[in-house]
């Protein structure tokens, strides 16, 4: 049974007509002790390519994180990891990632200033030699071959080190790693969405990382309103410079879609919303301008971005990348605690919420309501 919620179709039988199309992710992951969930665990183990001793003939793919927002940086890195797995190379994040450029990242992970060393867990335990780096080549789309019919991608080079490129990643991005293809093909997941399953694999988290260990104190210091709990609805509103590349929507539109979602099942969904946004006007709207319709939670006392004429990257540089990263990760964790989700799937951050709620939080059967798309098969999930 399908019902319209704002501008999305929801299957009231317990599946979601979201980016997976027809609720197929629900069928694949609802049995949390079964084969499909085991595949999630296996993917996490594969992603961390820790090798105690580097063989002399070890080959590497080195990926430099470009100037994207945090959600975009994570998604593009996931595509680079796919290429490394298919070409049987160890994935290495190049030192000097701008998101990890702060002094706080100098004291962890050997001071490499990478996302994986500063905020998560290292992807690999090996490093290429100086000689191998000198002989490294930069990937082009022409260098990348294969991929047809679920076959693995490969490089047309014998170089021990290959540096990723935007063109090469564009060529392979609509795929999942070949090693998972056979099992994914045996699942209800649509083949065209296998890549989305791969994007949903969470980055390896290190709870002992000192940069993440302070999360409880940050939460107590910044959370305003009731903590997200069963029945709450997560609303992520992306305004700012997103309007340059995609349609943005006003606060009232998000309010209306969230109300429609709650009306589907007022017992399952409460009047509590957790609002994550860079726009202070959105926080003010949901906190004080909905006539008491919502009990809103949000992070308070953190930098936001009121001037829509300024780019997100400009604000991030001003706020500080380290602060922006930790605030964003905290907002992500809080959003995942909810049981209904509202946002525009064209936003990298909304996709990250949608992906990780399905895997990291085992909520593939939760309802996602998109602000724009009425037909899930028309959704443009971009990266």
Protein backbone atom coordinates (compact mmCIF):
# COMPACT_ATOMS: atom_id res chain seq x y z
CA UNK A 1 0.00 0.00 0.00
CA UNK A 2 1.48 3.35 -1.04
CA UNK A 3 0.64 6.76 0.35
CA UNK A 4 1.82 10.21 -0.65
CA UNK A 5 3.74 12.14 1.99
CA UNK A 6 4.48 15.64 0.82
CA UNK A 7 6.41 14.74 -2.29
CA UNK A 8 7.46 11.15 -1.65
CA UNK A 9 5.73 7.79 -1.83
CA UNK A 10 5.83 5.59 1.23
CA UNK A 11 4.95 1.92 1.36
CA UNK A 12 2.87 1.49 4.51
CA UNK A 13 3.59 -2.23 4.60
CA UNK A 14 6.91 -1.35 6.16
CA UNK A 15 9.10 -0.59 3.19
CA UNK A 16 10.26 2.70 1.80
CA UNK A 17 9.89 4.03 -1.71
CA UNK A 18 13.11 5.96 -1.28
CA UNK A 19 16.37 6.07 -3.21
CA UNK A 20 16.59 2.28 -3.17
CA UNK A 21 13.41 2.15 -5.26
CA UNK A 22 10.39 0.19 -4.08
CA UNK A 23 11.75 -0.62 -0.66
CA UNK A 24 14.34 -3.14 -1.77
CA UNK A 25 16.83 -2.10 0.90
CA UNK A 26 14.29 -3.08 3.52
CA UNK A 27 14.08 -6.61 2.19
CA UNK A 28 17.85 -6.81 2.03
CA UNK A 29 18.58 -5.63 5.54
CA UNK A 30 15.50 -6.20 7.68
CA UNK A 31 16.76 -9.61 8.81
CA UNK A 32 19.50 -8.14 10.94
CA UNK A 33 20.97 -11.51 11.88
CA UNK A 34 20.90 -12.94 8.35
CA UNK A 35 23.10 -13.07 5.31
CA UNK A 36 22.50 -9.53 4.15
CA UNK A 37 23.53 -7.95 7.42
CA UNK A 38 26.57 -10.21 7.48
CA UNK A 39 27.48 -8.72 4.12
CA UNK A 40 27.50 -5.30 5.78
CA UNK A 41 29.93 -6.54 8.43
CA UNK A 42 32.11 -8.14 5.76
CA UNK A 43 32.27 -4.90 3.79
CA UNK A 44 33.55 -3.08 6.86
CA UNK A 45 36.30 -5.62 7.31
CA UNK A 46 37.30 -5.36 3.66
CA UNK A 47 37.35 -1.57 3.78
CA UNK A 48 40.04 -1.64 6.44
CA UNK A 49 42.98 -3.10 4.55
CA UNK A 50 45.37 -3.39 7.48
CA UNK A 51 48.53 -5.27 6.55
CA UNK A 52 51.17 -5.87 9.22
CA UNK A 53 54.07 -6.22 6.79
CA UNK A 54 54.14 -4.53 3.38
CA UNK A 55 55.10 -6.97 0.60
CA UNK A 56 57.73 -5.64 -1.77
CA UNK A 57 55.29 -5.97 -4.66
CA UNK A 58 52.39 -4.25 -2.88
CA UNK A 59 50.48 -1.80 -5.07
CA UNK A 60 48.65 1.31 -3.88
CA UNK A 61 45.94 3.78 -4.81
CA UNK A 62 46.49 7.17 -3.23
CA UNK A 63 43.50 9.48 -2.99
CA UNK A 64 43.68 13.19 -2.25
CA UNK A 65 40.48 14.57 -0.72
CA UNK A 66 39.36 17.54 -2.78
CA UNK A 67 37.66 20.76 -1.61
CA UNK A 68 34.16 19.39 -1.06
CA UNK A 69 31.75 19.59 1.81
CA UNK A 70 32.11 16.85 4.42
CA UNK A 71 29.36 14.66 2.96
CA UNK A 72 30.80 15.02 -0.53
CA UNK A 73 34.32 14.25 0.70
CA UNK A 74 33.13 11.03 2.35
CA UNK A 75 31.18 9.93 -0.73
CA UNK A 76 34.02 10.59 -3.17
CA UNK A 77 36.45 8.79 -0.85
CA UNK A 78 34.12 5.79 -0.91
CA UNK A 79 34.31 5.71 -4.70
CA UNK A 80 38.11 5.81 -4.55
CA UNK A 81 38.06 2.90 -2.09
CA UNK A 82 35.89 0.93 -4.54
CA UNK A 83 38.51 1.48 -7.25
CA UNK A 84 41.29 0.36 -4.90
CA UNK A 85 39.45 -2.84 -4.00
CA UNK A 86 38.69 -3.74 -7.61
CA UNK A 87 42.27 -3.13 -8.74
CA UNK A 88 43.63 -5.01 -5.69
CA UNK A 89 45.54 -2.04 -4.38
CA UNK A 90 45.81 -0.74 -0.84
CA UNK A 91 43.85 2.47 -0.42
CA UNK A 92 45.71 5.36 1.16
CA UNK A 93 44.35 8.81 1.91
CA UNK A 94 47.02 11.31 0.94
CA UNK A 95 48.37 13.39 3.84
CA UNK A 96 47.19 16.96 4.17
CA UNK A 97 43.40 16.65 3.85
CA UNK A 98 41.99 20.13 4.41
CA UNK A 99 39.27 18.83 6.76
CA UNK A 100 42.01 17.50 9.06
CA UNK A 101 44.33 20.49 8.77
CA UNK A 102 43.88 21.75 12.33
CA UNK A 103 46.53 21.41 15.05
CA UNK A 104 44.27 18.92 16.85
CA UNK A 105 45.05 16.43 14.08
CA UNK A 106 48.81 16.77 14.59
CA UNK A 107 48.84 14.57 17.68
CA UNK A 108 46.97 11.55 16.27
CA UNK A 109 47.63 9.21 13.37
CA UNK A 110 51.25 10.20 13.08
CA UNK A 111 50.32 13.77 12.24
CA UNK A 112 49.30 12.85 8.69
CA UNK A 113 46.31 15.19 8.79
CA UNK A 114 43.92 12.78 7.09
CA UNK A 115 40.25 12.10 7.77
CA UNK A 116 40.89 8.44 8.51
CA UNK A 117 43.69 9.11 11.01
CA UNK A 118 42.17 12.15 12.73
CA UNK A 119 38.51 11.16 12.98
CA UNK A 120 38.10 7.48 12.07
CA UNK A 121 40.48 4.53 11.68
CA UNK A 122 43.30 4.20 9.14
CA UNK A 123 42.30 2.35 6.00
CA UNK A 124 45.70 0.74 5.53
CA UNK A 125 48.73 -0.19 7.60
CA UNK A 126 51.20 -0.02 4.70
CA UNK A 127 52.84 2.87 2.93
CA UNK A 128 54.67 3.00 -0.39
CA UNK A 129 58.38 3.65 -0.49
CA UNK A 130 59.89 6.91 -1.68
CA UNK A 131 60.95 5.19 -4.90
CA UNK A 132 57.44 3.89 -5.51
CA UNK A 133 55.98 7.36 -4.97
CA UNK A 134 58.44 8.85 -7.44
CA UNK A 135 57.31 6.34 -10.05
CA UNK A 136 53.62 6.93 -9.38
CA UNK A 137 51.22 7.83 -12.18
CA UNK A 138 48.04 9.89 -12.13
CA UNK A 139 44.95 7.98 -13.18
CA UNK A 140 42.95 9.07 -16.18
CA UNK A 141 39.60 7.75 -17.34
CA UNK A 142 41.38 6.07 -20.26
CA UNK A 143 43.64 4.17 -17.84
CA UNK A 144 40.63 2.57 -16.15
CA UNK A 145 39.24 -0.48 -17.96
CA UNK A 146 36.76 -3.24 -17.17
CA UNK A 147 33.58 -2.87 -15.17
CA UNK A 148 31.30 -4.46 -17.75
CA UNK A 149 28.81 -7.00 -16.48
CA UNK A 150 29.96 -6.70 -12.89
CA UNK A 151 33.61 -7.38 -13.75
CA UNK A 152 36.31 -5.71 -11.69
CA UNK A 153 37.85 -2.45 -12.81
CA UNK A 154 41.56 -2.52 -13.62
CA UNK A 155 44.34 -0.08 -14.43
CA UNK A 156 46.28 -0.23 -17.67
CA UNK A 157 49.56 0.39 -15.87
CA UNK A 158 52.16 -1.59 -13.94
CA UNK A 159 53.07 1.34 -11.68
CA UNK A 160 53.16 0.44 -8.00
CA UNK A 161 51.46 3.73 -7.11
CA UNK A 162 48.47 5.24 -8.86
CA UNK A 163 47.02 8.58 -7.79
CA UNK A 164 43.25 8.87 -8.14
CA UNK A 165 41.63 11.55 -10.28
CA UNK A 166 38.18 13.05 -10.64
CA UNK A 167 37.79 11.68 -14.17
CA UNK A 168 38.69 8.14 -13.10
CA UNK A 169 36.26 8.23 -10.19
CA UNK A 170 33.46 9.57 -12.38
CA UNK A 171 33.93 6.55 -14.63
CA UNK A 172 33.52 3.96 -11.83
CA UNK A 173 31.20 5.69 -9.38
CA UNK A 174 27.96 3.89 -10.35
CA UNK A 175 29.24 0.52 -9.14
CA UNK A 176 29.81 -1.57 -6.04
CA UNK A 177 33.09 -3.49 -5.63
CA UNK A 178 33.20 -6.57 -7.83
CA UNK A 179 33.82 -8.88 -4.86
CA UNK A 180 30.30 -8.16 -3.58
CA UNK A 181 28.49 -8.35 -6.93
CA UNK A 182 27.53 -12.03 -6.83
CA UNK A 183 25.93 -11.79 -3.40
CA UNK A 184 24.28 -8.46 -4.15
CA UNK A 185 22.82 -9.96 -7.32
CA UNK A 186 21.22 -12.65 -5.19
CA UNK A 187 19.52 -10.05 -3.00
CA UNK A 188 16.31 -8.09 -3.75
CA UNK A 189 18.43 -4.97 -4.37
CA UNK A 190 17.98 -3.48 -7.83
CA UNK A 191 21.25 -3.81 -9.81
CA UNK A 192 21.16 -0.10 -10.61
CA UNK A 193 21.27 0.60 -6.87
CA UNK A 194 24.15 -1.69 -5.89
CA UNK A 195 26.43 1.33 -5.81
CA UNK A 196 24.13 2.99 -3.29
CA UNK A 197 24.55 0.00 -0.97
CA UNK A 198 28.31 0.49 -1.19
CA UNK A 199 28.01 4.20 -0.35
CA UNK A 200 26.05 3.23 2.74
CA UNK A 201 28.94 1.35 4.33
CA UNK A 202 30.00 3.40 7.37
CA UNK A 203 33.56 4.70 7.66
CA UNK A 204 35.52 2.72 10.27
CA UNK A 205 35.08 4.41 13.62
CA UNK A 206 37.62 4.47 16.44
CA UNK A 207 35.90 5.17 19.79
CA UNK A 208 39.31 5.62 21.46
CA UNK A 209 40.30 8.41 19.08
CA UNK A 210 40.77 11.44 21.37
CA UNK A 211 39.13 13.68 18.81
CA UNK A 212 35.93 11.61 19.04
CA UNK A 213 36.15 10.57 22.69
CA UNK A 214 34.98 14.01 23.81
CA UNK A 215 31.63 13.50 22.11
CA UNK A 216 29.59 13.16 25.37
CA UNK A 217 30.87 16.51 26.64
CA UNK A 218 30.18 18.16 23.29
CA UNK A 219 26.68 16.69 23.31
CA UNK A 220 25.92 17.97 26.82
CA UNK A 221 27.29 21.37 25.92
CA UNK A 222 25.42 21.89 22.67
CA UNK A 223 22.16 19.91 22.58
CA UNK A 224 19.11 22.11 23.03
CA UNK A 225 15.77 20.38 23.55
CA UNK A 226 14.97 16.74 24.29
CA UNK A 227 17.46 14.13 23.09
CA UNK A 228 16.34 12.34 19.91
CA UNK A 229 14.37 9.26 20.90
CA UNK A 230 12.05 6.63 19.45
CA UNK A 231 9.40 8.25 17.28
CA UNK A 232 11.28 11.46 16.53
CA UNK A 233 11.68 12.80 13.00
CA UNK A 234 15.01 13.98 11.64
CA UNK A 235 14.84 17.07 9.41
CA UNK A 236 17.95 18.19 7.56
CA UNK A 237 17.62 21.54 5.79
CA UNK A 238 20.32 22.55 3.32
CA UNK A 239 20.20 26.17 2.28
CA UNK A 240 23.23 28.39 1.71
CA UNK A 241 25.20 27.96 -1.50
CA UNK A 242 23.44 24.69 -2.34
CA UNK A 243 21.10 26.83 -4.44
CA UNK A 244 23.90 27.24 -6.99
CA UNK A 245 23.67 23.58 -8.05
CA UNK A 246 20.27 22.38 -6.87
CA UNK A 247 16.81 23.58 -5.95
CA UNK A 248 16.40 24.58 -2.32
CA UNK A 249 13.14 24.80 -0.39
CA UNK A 250 11.84 27.07 2.34
CA UNK A 251 11.32 26.06 5.95
CA UNK A 252 7.55 25.82 5.56
CA UNK A 253 7.98 23.12 2.92
CA UNK A 254 10.05 20.97 5.27
CA UNK A 255 7.50 21.60 8.01
CA UNK A 256 4.65 20.45 5.75
CA UNK A 257 6.42 17.28 4.61
CA UNK A 258 7.36 16.38 8.19
CA UNK A 259 3.74 16.89 9.26
CA UNK A 260 2.60 14.62 6.43
CA UNK A 261 5.05 11.96 7.51
CA UNK A 262 3.81 12.09 11.09
CA UNK A 263 0.19 11.90 9.94
CA UNK A 264 0.91 8.49 8.41
CA UNK A 265 1.16 7.00 11.88
CA UNK A 266 0.80 9.40 14.83
CA UNK A 267 1.45 6.53 17.22
CA UNK A 268 4.76 5.62 15.62
CA UNK A 269 5.90 9.20 15.04
CA UNK A 270 5.94 11.79 17.81
CA UNK A 271 5.96 15.59 17.73
CA UNK A 272 9.69 15.62 18.39
CA UNK A 273 11.99 16.70 15.58
CA UNK A 274 15.74 16.93 15.46
CA UNK A 275 16.75 19.74 13.09
CA UNK A 276 20.19 19.85 11.53
CA UNK A 277 21.03 22.78 9.28
CA UNK A 278 23.62 25.46 8.58
CA UNK A 279 20.87 28.12 8.49
CA UNK A 280 20.08 29.89 11.80
CA UNK A 281 16.71 31.02 10.39
CA UNK A 282 15.69 27.37 10.06
CA UNK A 283 16.51 26.71 13.72
CA UNK A 284 14.46 29.75 14.73
CA UNK A 285 11.55 28.61 12.56
CA UNK A 286 11.25 25.11 14.02
CA UNK A 287 11.97 26.27 17.57
CA UNK A 288 9.52 29.17 17.71
CA UNK A 289 7.38 29.60 14.58
CA UNK A 290 5.36 26.41 14.11
CA UNK A 291 2.64 27.20 16.64
CA UNK A 292 3.77 24.48 19.02
CA UNK A 293 3.40 21.75 16.39
CA UNK A 294 6.91 20.48 17.09
CA UNK A 295 9.16 20.02 20.07
CA UNK A 296 12.42 20.79 18.32
CA UNK A 297 15.93 19.73 19.24
CA UNK A 298 19.08 21.11 17.66
CA UNK A 299 22.69 21.88 18.52
CA UNK A 300 23.00 25.34 20.07
CA UNK A 301 25.99 27.58 20.52
CA UNK A 302 27.70 26.25 17.40
CA UNK A 303 28.68 28.33 14.35
CA UNK A 304 26.12 28.52 11.56
CA UNK A 305 26.12 30.18 8.14
CA UNK A 306 23.56 32.99 7.81
CA UNK A 307 24.83 34.63 4.60
CA UNK A 308 23.65 32.57 1.62
CA UNK A 309 25.88 34.53 -0.76
CA UNK A 310 28.98 33.02 0.85
CA UNK A 311 30.10 29.51 -0.04
CA UNK A 312 30.09 26.65 2.41
CA UNK A 313 33.86 26.27 2.00
CA UNK A 314 34.40 29.93 2.89
CA UNK A 315 32.45 29.49 6.09
CA UNK A 316 34.25 26.24 6.92
CA UNK A 317 37.63 27.94 6.62
CA UNK A 318 36.44 30.75 8.88
CA UNK A 319 34.85 28.47 11.50
CA UNK A 320 37.75 26.02 11.46
CA UNK A 321 37.69 22.66 9.71
CA UNK A 322 38.21 20.68 12.92
CA UNK A 323 35.31 22.38 14.68
CA UNK A 324 33.10 22.02 11.61
CA UNK A 325 33.96 18.33 11.31
CA UNK A 326 33.16 17.48 14.94
CA UNK A 327 29.94 19.52 14.96
CA UNK A 328 28.83 17.86 11.73
CA UNK A 329 29.59 14.33 12.94
CA UNK A 330 27.67 15.00 16.16
CA UNK A 331 24.67 16.26 14.17
CA UNK A 332 24.89 13.16 11.98
CA UNK A 333 24.85 10.83 14.98
CA UNK A 334 21.87 12.65 16.50
CA UNK A 335 19.93 12.59 13.22
CA UNK A 336 20.43 8.82 12.99
CA UNK A 337 18.73 8.37 16.36
CA UNK A 338 15.37 9.32 14.85
CA UNK A 339 12.77 7.02 13.25
CA UNK A 340 11.57 9.14 10.36
CA UNK A 341 13.67 11.23 7.97
CA UNK A 342 12.96 14.35 5.91
CA UNK A 343 15.33 16.02 3.47
CA UNK A 344 16.37 16.62 -0.12
CA UNK A 345 18.22 13.58 -1.48
CA UNK A 346 20.30 15.83 -3.73
CA UNK A 347 22.20 16.96 -0.64
CA UNK A 348 25.29 14.87 0.10
CA UNK A 349 24.55 15.20 3.79
CA UNK A 350 20.98 13.97 3.43
CA UNK A 351 22.24 11.01 1.42
CA UNK A 352 24.74 10.27 4.17
CA UNK A 353 21.90 10.26 6.71
CA UNK A 354 19.78 8.06 4.45
CA UNK A 355 22.64 5.63 3.81
CA UNK A 356 23.86 5.27 7.38
CA UNK A 357 20.41 4.98 8.95
CA UNK A 358 19.96 1.90 6.74
CA UNK A 359 23.24 0.26 7.73
CA UNK A 360 24.87 1.77 10.80
CA UNK A 361 21.51 2.12 12.62
CA UNK A 362 19.64 -0.82 11.00
CA UNK A 363 16.72 1.44 10.06
CA UNK A 364 16.26 0.60 6.40
CA UNK A 365 12.58 0.09 7.20
CA UNK A 366 12.20 3.66 8.49
CA UNK A 367 10.35 6.24 6.38
CA UNK A 368 12.33 8.74 4.32
CA UNK A 369 10.31 11.64 2.84
CA UNK A 370 12.00 13.63 0.11
CA UNK A 371 11.19 17.30 -0.28
CA UNK A 372 11.18 17.32 -4.06
CA UNK A 373 10.71 13.87 -5.60
CA UNK A 374 7.31 12.20 -5.78
CA UNK A 375 8.63 9.16 -7.64
CA UNK A 376 11.61 7.44 -5.98
CA UNK A 377 12.78 6.07 -9.32
CA UNK A 378 13.33 9.63 -10.53
CA UNK A 379 15.61 10.54 -7.65
CA UNK A 380 19.00 11.92 -8.64
CA UNK A 381 21.39 10.68 -5.98
CA UNK A 382 24.34 12.40 -7.67
CA UNK A 383 27.47 11.05 -5.96
